[in-house]
Amino acid sequence: MKHCVLVVRPQEQAVSLLNYCQQQGWHTELFSSLEVRTLTHTHEAVQAALNASDVVFWASANAIASSKKLGVVPPLRNVCVGQATLKVFYRYFPRSVAVAPDDGLDSEAVLRLPLWQDASLQRVLIVNGEGGRKWLTHSLMGLGKSVQTLSVYQRIPVAVDWDRFRQVTQAYNCMVCVYSLEAAAQLFEQVPVDLRERLQSLLYFTIHERIAESLRDLGVHRVLVGQNGHEDVLQLLHEHAKN
């Protein structure tokens, strides 16, 4: 039976993964459970918040893309949550400068960066989506930093086509890529009772152990984690699609 990769990501973020899978000759389907919607902010308000900060932490690619839509310019010091987000930052803001941890892609890795020991960097702005983790905020405040948060987007549930899911999982050996806790939770919140066991039985690929733990809590039996992010997930997909 041929393989199919089900991509559980917002449509804009899924394009590169969908294209990659198609280039490899794998059947692929978009199964978004969430979409990203930019919140209503003025250019002036967001730019003022950026300018008032000594350093800005960009919590996700969505935070960067949503800010770019407002036409803002980042300040001199910027931090991204991981290397993949750093690439997105430079794609949207090629004349700006940012750093990201190379030993992880979460808030814990960000906190290990040496720049937080710089006493001159007191005012920190966290740019994220509604409902983001507060761990880094509390940790930076514990270091004596003044921390503000600016949420520039929200995640909106999208109805999954479960009839299509039923057809695809009958015709193909399906694997699932899901990169966020919220997308995974929304997927399982929507699944019909008669398809829940099938959804749990698929092989999942993700980018962080925290997401993997959430999937296991939802009853998923098989989860593989790309420890260094998206590129590792692609390698894992290659290894399993050959079988």
C-alpha atoms as a PDB file:
ATOM      1  CA  MET A   1       0.000   0.000   0.000  1.00  0.00           C
ATOM      2  CA  LYS A   2       1.327   3.457  -0.917  1.00  0.00           C
ATOM      3  CA  HIS A   3       2.153   6.054   1.718  1.00  0.00           C
ATOM      4  CA  CYS A   4       0.235   9.265   2.339  1.00  0.00           C
ATOM      5  CA  VAL A   5       1.368  12.126   4.572  1.00  0.00           C
ATOM      6  CA  LEU A   6      -1.427  13.971   6.362  1.00  0.00           C
ATOM      7  CA  VAL A   7      -0.270  17.496   7.211  1.00  0.00           C
ATOM      8  CA  VAL A   8      -2.034  18.946  10.253  1.00  0.00           C
ATOM      9  CA  ARG A   9      -0.871  22.551   9.984  1.00  0.00           C
ATOM     10  CA  PRO A  10      -2.440  25.896   9.042  1.00  0.00           C
ATOM     11  CA  GLN A  11      -2.561  26.166   5.261  1.00  0.00           C
ATOM     12  CA  GLU A  12       0.066  28.916   4.919  1.00  0.00           C
ATOM     13  CA  GLN A  13       2.565  26.979   7.026  1.00  0.00           C
ATOM     14  CA  ALA A  14       1.843  23.675   5.317  1.00  0.00           C
ATOM     15  CA  VAL A  15       2.813  24.701   1.777  1.00  0.00           C
ATOM     16  CA  SER A  16       6.516  23.850   1.951  1.00  0.00           C
ATOM     17  CA  LEU A  17       5.891  20.460   3.572  1.00  0.00           C
ATOM     18  CA  LEU A  18       3.152  19.601   1.076  1.00  0.00           C
ATOM     19  CA  ASN A  19       5.413  20.549  -1.826  1.00  0.00           C
ATOM     20  CA  TYR A  20       8.311  18.566  -0.398  1.00  0.00           C
ATOM     21  CA  CYS A  21       6.218  15.418  -0.001  1.00  0.00           C
ATOM     22  CA  GLN A  22       4.913  15.737  -3.541  1.00  0.00           C
ATOM     23  CA  GLN A  23       8.476  16.133  -4.851  1.00  0.00           C
ATOM     24  CA  GLN A  24       9.343  12.844  -3.157  1.00  0.00           C
ATOM     25  CA  GLY A  25       6.461  11.164  -4.947  1.00  0.00           C
ATOM     26  CA  TRP A  26       4.388  10.696  -1.798  1.00  0.00           C
ATOM     27  CA  HIS A  27       0.672  11.330  -1.785  1.00  0.00           C
ATOM     28  CA  THR A  28      -0.116  14.133   0.645  1.00  0.00           C
ATOM     29  CA  GLU A  29      -3.248  15.732   2.050  1.00  0.00           C
ATOM     30  CA  LEU A  30      -3.812  18.910   4.040  1.00  0.00           C
ATOM     31  CA  PHE A  31      -5.851  18.287   7.198  1.00  0.00           C
ATOM     32  CA  SER A  32      -5.785  21.654   8.946  1.00  0.00           C
ATOM     33  CA  SER A  33      -7.507  21.745  12.311  1.00  0.00           C
ATOM     34  CA  LEU A  34      -6.631  25.419  12.881  1.00  0.00           C
ATOM     35  CA  GLU A  35      -6.081  28.560  10.873  1.00  0.00           C
ATOM     36  CA  VAL A  36      -4.087  31.613  11.921  1.00  0.00           C
ATOM     37  CA  ARG A  37      -5.773  35.001  11.998  1.00  0.00           C
ATOM     38  CA  THR A  38      -3.873  38.244  12.528  1.00  0.00           C
ATOM     39  CA  LEU A  39      -5.307  40.290  15.376  1.00  0.00           C
ATOM     40  CA  THR A  40      -6.345  43.893  14.898  1.00  0.00           C
ATOM     41  CA  HIS A  41      -3.388  46.126  15.707  1.00  0.00           C
ATOM     42  CA  THR A  42      -2.239  49.352  14.119  1.00  0.00           C
ATOM     43  CA  HIS A  43       1.195  49.649  12.581  1.00  0.00           C
ATOM     44  CA  GLU A  44       1.942  52.536  14.916  1.00  0.00           C
ATOM     45  CA  ALA A  45       1.034  50.628  18.093  1.00  0.00           C
ATOM     46  CA  VAL A  46       3.110  47.553  17.249  1.00  0.00           C
ATOM     47  CA  GLN A  47       6.071  49.603  16.043  1.00  0.00           C
ATOM     48  CA  ALA A  48       5.980  51.659  19.236  1.00  0.00           C
ATOM     49  CA  ALA A  49       6.053  48.470  21.331  1.00  0.00           C
ATOM     50  CA  LEU A  50       9.024  47.167  19.338  1.00  0.00           C
ATOM     51  CA  ASN A  51      10.891  50.460  19.606  1.00  0.00           C
ATOM     52  CA  ALA A  52      10.363  50.608  23.373  1.00  0.00           C
ATOM     53  CA  SER A  53      12.101  47.250  23.875  1.00  0.00           C
ATOM     54  CA  ASP A  54      15.764  46.394  24.344  1.00  0.00           C
ATOM     55  CA  VAL A  55      15.215  42.928  22.876  1.00  0.00           C
ATOM     56  CA  VAL A  56      12.259  41.201  21.200  1.00  0.00           C
ATOM     57  CA  PHE A  57      11.529  37.490  21.464  1.00  0.00           C
ATOM     58  CA  TRP A  58       9.636  36.083  18.473  1.00  0.00           C
ATOM     59  CA  ALA A  59       7.764  33.043  19.761  1.00  0.00           C
ATOM     60  CA  SER A  60       6.797  31.554  16.392  1.00  0.00           C
ATOM     61  CA  ALA A  61       6.860  31.943  12.638  1.00  0.00           C
ATOM     62  CA  ASN A  62       3.233  33.068  12.879  1.00  0.00           C
ATOM     63  CA  ALA A  63       4.255  35.947  15.142  1.00  0.00           C
ATOM     64  CA  ILE A  64       6.789  37.072  12.547  1.00  0.00           C
ATOM     65  CA  ALA A  65       4.442  36.725   9.568  1.00  0.00           C
ATOM     66  CA  SER A  66       1.600  38.513  11.356  1.00  0.00           C
ATOM     67  CA  SER A  67       3.898  41.397  12.307  1.00  0.00           C
ATOM     68  CA  LYS A  68       5.228  41.646   8.769  1.00  0.00           C
ATOM     69  CA  LYS A  69       1.669  42.164   7.516  1.00  0.00           C
ATOM     70  CA  LEU A  70       1.573  45.324   9.641  1.00  0.00           C
ATOM     71  CA  GLY A  71       4.697  46.676   7.944  1.00  0.00           C
ATOM     72  CA  VAL A  72       6.762  46.992  11.124  1.00  0.00           C
ATOM     73  CA  VAL A  73      10.557  46.976  11.412  1.00  0.00           C
ATOM     74  CA  PRO A  74      12.210  44.907  14.186  1.00  0.00           C
ATOM     75  CA  PRO A  75      14.577  46.593  16.661  1.00  0.00           C
ATOM     76  CA  LEU A  76      18.326  45.960  16.865  1.00  0.00           C
ATOM     77  CA  ARG A  77      18.177  42.913  19.158  1.00  0.00           C
ATOM     78  CA  ASN A  78      15.918  39.969  18.308  1.00  0.00           C
ATOM     79  CA  VAL A  79      15.641  36.378  19.506  1.00  0.00           C
ATOM     80  CA  CYS A  80      13.755  33.560  17.757  1.00  0.00           C
ATOM     81  CA  VAL A  81      12.479  30.381  19.368  1.00  0.00           C
ATOM     82  CA  GLY A  82      14.459  28.074  17.063  1.00  0.00           C
ATOM     83  CA  GLN A  83      16.508  27.816  13.898  1.00  0.00           C
ATOM     84  CA  ALA A  84      13.464  27.281  11.647  1.00  0.00           C
ATOM     85  CA  THR A  85      11.832  30.416  13.055  1.00  0.00           C
ATOM     86  CA  LEU A  86      15.116  32.264  12.563  1.00  0.00           C
ATOM     87  CA  LYS A  87      15.012  31.393   8.850  1.00  0.00           C
ATOM     88  CA  VAL A  88      11.492  32.798   8.650  1.00  0.00           C
ATOM     89  CA  PHE A  89      12.668  35.957  10.427  1.00  0.00           C
ATOM     90  CA  TYR A  90      15.384  36.567   7.840  1.00  0.00           C
ATOM     91  CA  ARG A  91      12.995  35.811   4.987  1.00  0.00           C
ATOM     92  CA  TYR A  92      10.639  38.546   6.155  1.00  0.00           C
ATOM     93  CA  PHE A  93      13.210  40.926   7.669  1.00  0.00           C
ATOM     94  CA  PRO A  94      16.451  40.401   5.705  1.00  0.00           C
ATOM     95  CA  ARG A  95      18.027  43.652   6.938  1.00  0.00           C
ATOM     96  CA  SER A  96      17.493  42.896  10.633  1.00  0.00           C
ATOM     97  CA  VAL A  97      19.580  40.775  13.004  1.00  0.00           C
ATOM     98  CA  ALA A  98      18.412  37.934  15.252  1.00  0.00           C
ATOM     99  CA  VAL A  99      19.754  34.936  17.141  1.00  0.00           C
ATOM    100  CA  ALA A 100      18.244  31.584  18.087  1.00  0.00           C
ATOM    101  CA  PRO A 101      19.368  28.634  20.194  1.00  0.00           C
ATOM    102  CA  ASP A 102      21.042  25.787  18.343  1.00  0.00           C
ATOM    103  CA  ASP A 103      20.443  23.258  21.118  1.00  0.00           C
ATOM    104  CA  GLY A 104      16.642  23.253  21.111  1.00  0.00           C
ATOM    105  CA  LEU A 105      13.521  24.965  19.851  1.00  0.00           C
ATOM    106  CA  ASP A 106      11.597  25.961  22.943  1.00  0.00           C
ATOM    107  CA  SER A 107      11.554  28.554  25.709  1.00  0.00           C
ATOM    108  CA  GLU A 108      13.927  26.499  27.832  1.00  0.00           C
ATOM    109  CA  ALA A 109      16.576  26.620  25.096  1.00  0.00           C
ATOM    110  CA  VAL A 110      15.971  30.351  24.610  1.00  0.00           C
ATOM    111  CA  LEU A 111      16.576  31.014  28.303  1.00  0.00           C
ATOM    112  CA  ARG A 112      19.988  29.315  28.025  1.00  0.00           C
ATOM    113  CA  LEU A 113      21.196  31.955  25.547  1.00  0.00           C
ATOM    114  CA  PRO A 114      23.971  34.083  27.071  1.00  0.00           C
ATOM    115  CA  LEU A 115      22.470  37.430  26.021  1.00  0.00           C
ATOM    116  CA  TRP A 116      20.094  37.392  29.000  1.00  0.00           C
ATOM    117  CA  GLN A 117      23.118  37.989  31.235  1.00  0.00           C
ATOM    118  CA  ASP A 118      23.555  41.416  29.603  1.00  0.00           C
ATOM    119  CA  ALA A 119      22.369  43.896  32.242  1.00  0.00           C
ATOM    120  CA  SER A 120      21.649  46.523  29.570  1.00  0.00           C
ATOM    121  CA  LEU A 121      18.870  44.370  28.093  1.00  0.00           C
ATOM    122  CA  GLN A 122      16.171  45.103  30.634  1.00  0.00           C
ATOM    123  CA  ARG A 123      13.037  45.661  28.560  1.00  0.00           C
ATOM    124  CA  VAL A 124      11.882  42.464  26.831  1.00  0.00           C
ATOM    125  CA  LEU A 125       8.942  42.217  24.456  1.00  0.00           C
ATOM    126  CA  ILE A 126       7.505  38.765  23.706  1.00  0.00           C
ATOM    127  CA  VAL A 127       5.611  38.665  20.400  1.00  0.00           C
ATOM    128  CA  ASN A 128       3.356  35.621  20.249  1.00  0.00           C
ATOM    129  CA  GLY A 129      -0.154  34.307  19.645  1.00  0.00           C
ATOM    130  CA  GLU A 130      -3.071  34.384  22.039  1.00  0.00           C
ATOM    131  CA  GLY A 131      -2.802  31.760  24.736  1.00  0.00           C
ATOM    132  CA  GLY A 132       0.951  31.242  24.449  1.00  0.00           C
ATOM    133  CA  ARG A 133       3.060  29.729  27.240  1.00  0.00           C
ATOM    134  CA  LYS A 134       3.949  32.001  30.170  1.00  0.00           C
ATOM    135  CA  TRP A 135       7.035  30.049  31.230  1.00  0.00           C
ATOM    136  CA  LEU A 136       9.574  32.343  29.565  1.00  0.00           C
ATOM    137  CA  THR A 137       7.825  35.459  30.856  1.00  0.00           C
ATOM    138  CA  HIS A 138       8.082  34.270  34.451  1.00  0.00           C
ATOM    139  CA  SER A 139      11.652  33.034  33.984  1.00  0.00           C
ATOM    140  CA  LEU A 140      12.864  36.343  32.542  1.00  0.00           C
ATOM    141  CA  MET A 141      11.112  38.281  35.283  1.00  0.00           C
ATOM    142  CA  GLY A 142      12.983  36.055  37.715  1.00  0.00           C
ATOM    143  CA  LEU A 143      16.196  37.370  36.141  1.00  0.00           C
ATOM    144  CA  GLY A 144      15.067  40.916  36.864  1.00  0.00           C
ATOM    145  CA  LYS A 145      13.826  41.727  33.360  1.00  0.00           C
ATOM    146  CA  SER A 146      10.798  43.878  32.614  1.00  0.00           C
ATOM    147  CA  VAL A 147       8.658  41.750  30.304  1.00  0.00           C
ATOM    148  CA  GLN A 148       5.735  42.785  28.109  1.00  0.00           C
ATOM    149  CA  THR A 149       3.716  40.499  25.832  1.00  0.00           C
ATOM    150  CA  LEU A 150       2.164  41.435  22.499  1.00  0.00           C
ATOM    151  CA  SER A 151      -0.166  38.839  20.966  1.00  0.00           C
ATOM    152  CA  VAL A 152      -0.464  39.474  17.237  1.00  0.00           C
ATOM    153  CA  TYR A 153      -2.467  36.451  16.078  1.00  0.00           C
ATOM    154  CA  GLN A 154      -5.003  33.892  17.202  1.00  0.00           C
ATOM    155  CA  ARG A 155      -5.712  30.308  16.243  1.00  0.00           C
ATOM    156  CA  ILE A 156      -9.199  29.614  14.888  1.00  0.00           C
ATOM    157  CA  PRO A 157     -10.582  26.048  14.706  1.00  0.00           C
ATOM    158  CA  VAL A 158     -11.201  24.695  11.199  1.00  0.00           C
ATOM    159  CA  ALA A 159     -13.636  21.873  10.473  1.00  0.00           C
ATOM    160  CA  VAL A 160     -11.741  18.754   9.386  1.00  0.00           C
ATOM    161  CA  ASP A 161     -13.156  16.774   6.453  1.00  0.00           C
ATOM    162  CA  TRP A 162     -13.630  13.430   8.189  1.00  0.00           C
ATOM    163  CA  ASP A 163     -15.268  11.814   5.166  1.00  0.00           C
ATOM    164  CA  ARG A 164     -12.070  12.512   3.251  1.00  0.00           C
ATOM    165  CA  PHE A 165     -10.032  11.188   6.180  1.00  0.00           C
ATOM    166  CA  ARG A 166     -12.004   7.945   6.043  1.00  0.00           C
ATOM    167  CA  GLN A 167     -11.346   7.586   2.302  1.00  0.00           C
ATOM    168  CA  VAL A 168      -7.642   8.408   2.480  1.00  0.00           C
ATOM    169  CA  THR A 169      -6.880   6.133   5.421  1.00  0.00           C
ATOM    170  CA  GLN A 170      -8.576   3.246   3.635  1.00  0.00           C
ATOM    171  CA  ALA A 171      -6.612   3.810   0.420  1.00  0.00           C
ATOM    172  CA  TYR A 172      -3.151   4.607   1.838  1.00  0.00           C
ATOM    173  CA  ASN A 173      -0.747   3.801   4.619  1.00  0.00           C
ATOM    174  CA  CYS A 174      -1.070   7.188   6.331  1.00  0.00           C
ATOM    175  CA  MET A 175       1.440   9.100   8.429  1.00  0.00           C
ATOM    176  CA  VAL A 176       0.676  12.379  10.209  1.00  0.00           C
ATOM    177  CA  CYS A 177       2.793  15.519  10.659  1.00  0.00           C
ATOM    178  CA  VAL A 178       1.594  17.822  13.437  1.00  0.00           C
ATOM    179  CA  TYR A 179       3.746  20.599  14.868  1.00  0.00           C
ATOM    180  CA  SER A 180       1.709  22.218  17.635  1.00  0.00           C
ATOM    181  CA  LEU A 181      -0.115  21.244  20.806  1.00  0.00           C
ATOM    182  CA  GLU A 182      -3.143  23.280  19.765  1.00  0.00           C
ATOM    183  CA  ALA A 183      -3.461  21.616  16.350  1.00  0.00           C
ATOM    184  CA  ALA A 184      -3.230  18.150  17.895  1.00  0.00           C
ATOM    185  CA  ALA A 185      -5.791  18.950  20.584  1.00  0.00           C
ATOM    186  CA  GLN A 186      -8.231  20.427  18.079  1.00  0.00           C
ATOM    187  CA  LEU A 187      -7.854  17.424  15.764  1.00  0.00           C
ATOM    188  CA  PHE A 188      -8.843  14.988  18.499  1.00  0.00           C
ATOM    189  CA  GLU A 189     -11.573  17.260  19.804  1.00  0.00           C
ATOM    190  CA  GLN A 190     -13.289  17.081  16.412  1.00  0.00           C
ATOM    191  CA  VAL A 191     -12.799  13.422  15.517  1.00  0.00           C
ATOM    192  CA  PRO A 192     -16.024  11.370  15.282  1.00  0.00           C
ATOM    193  CA  VAL A 193     -16.303   8.501  17.745  1.00  0.00           C
ATOM    194  CA  ASP A 194     -16.124   5.845  15.024  1.00  0.00           C
ATOM    195  CA  LEU A 195     -12.834   7.259  13.664  1.00  0.00           C
ATOM    196  CA  ARG A 196     -11.040   7.994  16.919  1.00  0.00           C
ATOM    197  CA  GLU A 197      -9.320   4.616  17.159  1.00  0.00           C
ATOM    198  CA  ARG A 198      -8.148   4.886  13.550  1.00  0.00           C
ATOM    199  CA  LEU A 199      -6.747   8.368  14.207  1.00  0.00           C
ATOM    200  CA  GLN A 200      -4.930   7.082  17.286  1.00  0.00           C
ATOM    201  CA  SER A 201      -3.410   4.154  15.391  1.00  0.00           C
ATOM    202  CA  LEU A 202      -1.524   6.227  12.785  1.00  0.00           C
ATOM    203  CA  LEU A 203       2.193   7.004  12.909  1.00  0.00           C
ATOM    204  CA  TYR A 204       2.818  10.623  13.972  1.00  0.00           C
ATOM    205  CA  PHE A 205       5.812  12.887  13.391  1.00  0.00           C
ATOM    206  CA  THR A 206       6.383  16.035  15.416  1.00  0.00           C
ATOM    207  CA  ILE A 207       9.116  18.476  16.431  1.00  0.00           C
ATOM    208  CA  HIS A 208       9.061  18.446  20.234  1.00  0.00           C
ATOM    209  CA  GLU A 209       8.729  15.917  23.022  1.00  0.00           C
ATOM    210  CA  ARG A 210       6.068  18.088  24.682  1.00  0.00           C
ATOM    211  CA  ILE A 211       3.824  17.641  21.631  1.00  0.00           C
ATOM    212  CA  ALA A 212       4.611  13.922  21.565  1.00  0.00           C
ATOM    213  CA  GLU A 213       3.559  13.593  25.204  1.00  0.00           C
ATOM    214  CA  SER A 214       0.291  15.367  24.432  1.00  0.00           C
ATOM    215  CA  LEU A 215      -0.366  12.990  21.532  1.00  0.00           C
ATOM    216  CA  ARG A 216       0.275   9.993  23.773  1.00  0.00           C
ATOM    217  CA  ASP A 217      -2.149  11.429  26.327  1.00  0.00           C
ATOM    218  CA  LEU A 218      -4.702  11.580  23.496  1.00  0.00           C
ATOM    219  CA  GLY A 219      -4.213   7.861  22.895  1.00  0.00           C
ATOM    220  CA  VAL A 220      -1.724   7.900  20.011  1.00  0.00           C
ATOM    221  CA  HIS A 221       0.396   4.745  20.058  1.00  0.00           C
ATOM    222  CA  ARG A 222       3.287   5.698  17.754  1.00  0.00           C
ATOM    223  CA  VAL A 223       5.035   9.082  17.783  1.00  0.00           C
ATOM    224  CA  LEU A 224       8.464   9.992  16.403  1.00  0.00           C
ATOM    225  CA  VAL A 225      10.150  13.271  17.336  1.00  0.00           C
ATOM    226  CA  GLY A 226      12.527  15.236  15.120  1.00  0.00           C
ATOM    227  CA  GLN A 227      14.748  16.425  17.948  1.00  0.00           C
ATOM    228  CA  ASN A 228      16.227  19.266  15.903  1.00  0.00           C
ATOM    229  CA  GLY A 229      13.004  20.344  14.267  1.00  0.00           C
ATOM    230  CA  HIS A 230      11.535  20.186  10.796  1.00  0.00           C
ATOM    231  CA  GLU A 231      14.641  18.930   8.966  1.00  0.00           C
ATOM    232  CA  ASP A 232      14.838  15.931  11.289  1.00  0.00           C
ATOM    233  CA  VAL A 233      11.154  15.209  10.653  1.00  0.00           C
ATOM    234  CA  LEU A 234      11.838  15.108   6.909  1.00  0.00           C
ATOM    235  CA  GLN A 235      14.631  12.594   7.507  1.00  0.00           C
ATOM    236  CA  LEU A 236      12.337  10.434   9.635  1.00  0.00           C
ATOM    237  CA  LEU A 237       9.664  10.582   6.941  1.00  0.00           C
ATOM    238  CA  HIS A 238      12.216   9.403   4.383  1.00  0.00           C
ATOM    239  CA  GLU A 239      13.225   6.458   6.529  1.00  0.00           C
ATOM    240  CA  HIS A 240       9.657   5.277   7.040  1.00  0.00           C
ATOM    241  CA  ALA A 241       8.364   6.008   3.545  1.00  0.00           C
ATOM    242  CA  LYS A 242      10.980   3.625   2.126  1.00  0.00           C
ATOM    243  CA  ASN A 243       9.419   0.688   3.962  1.00  0.00           C
END
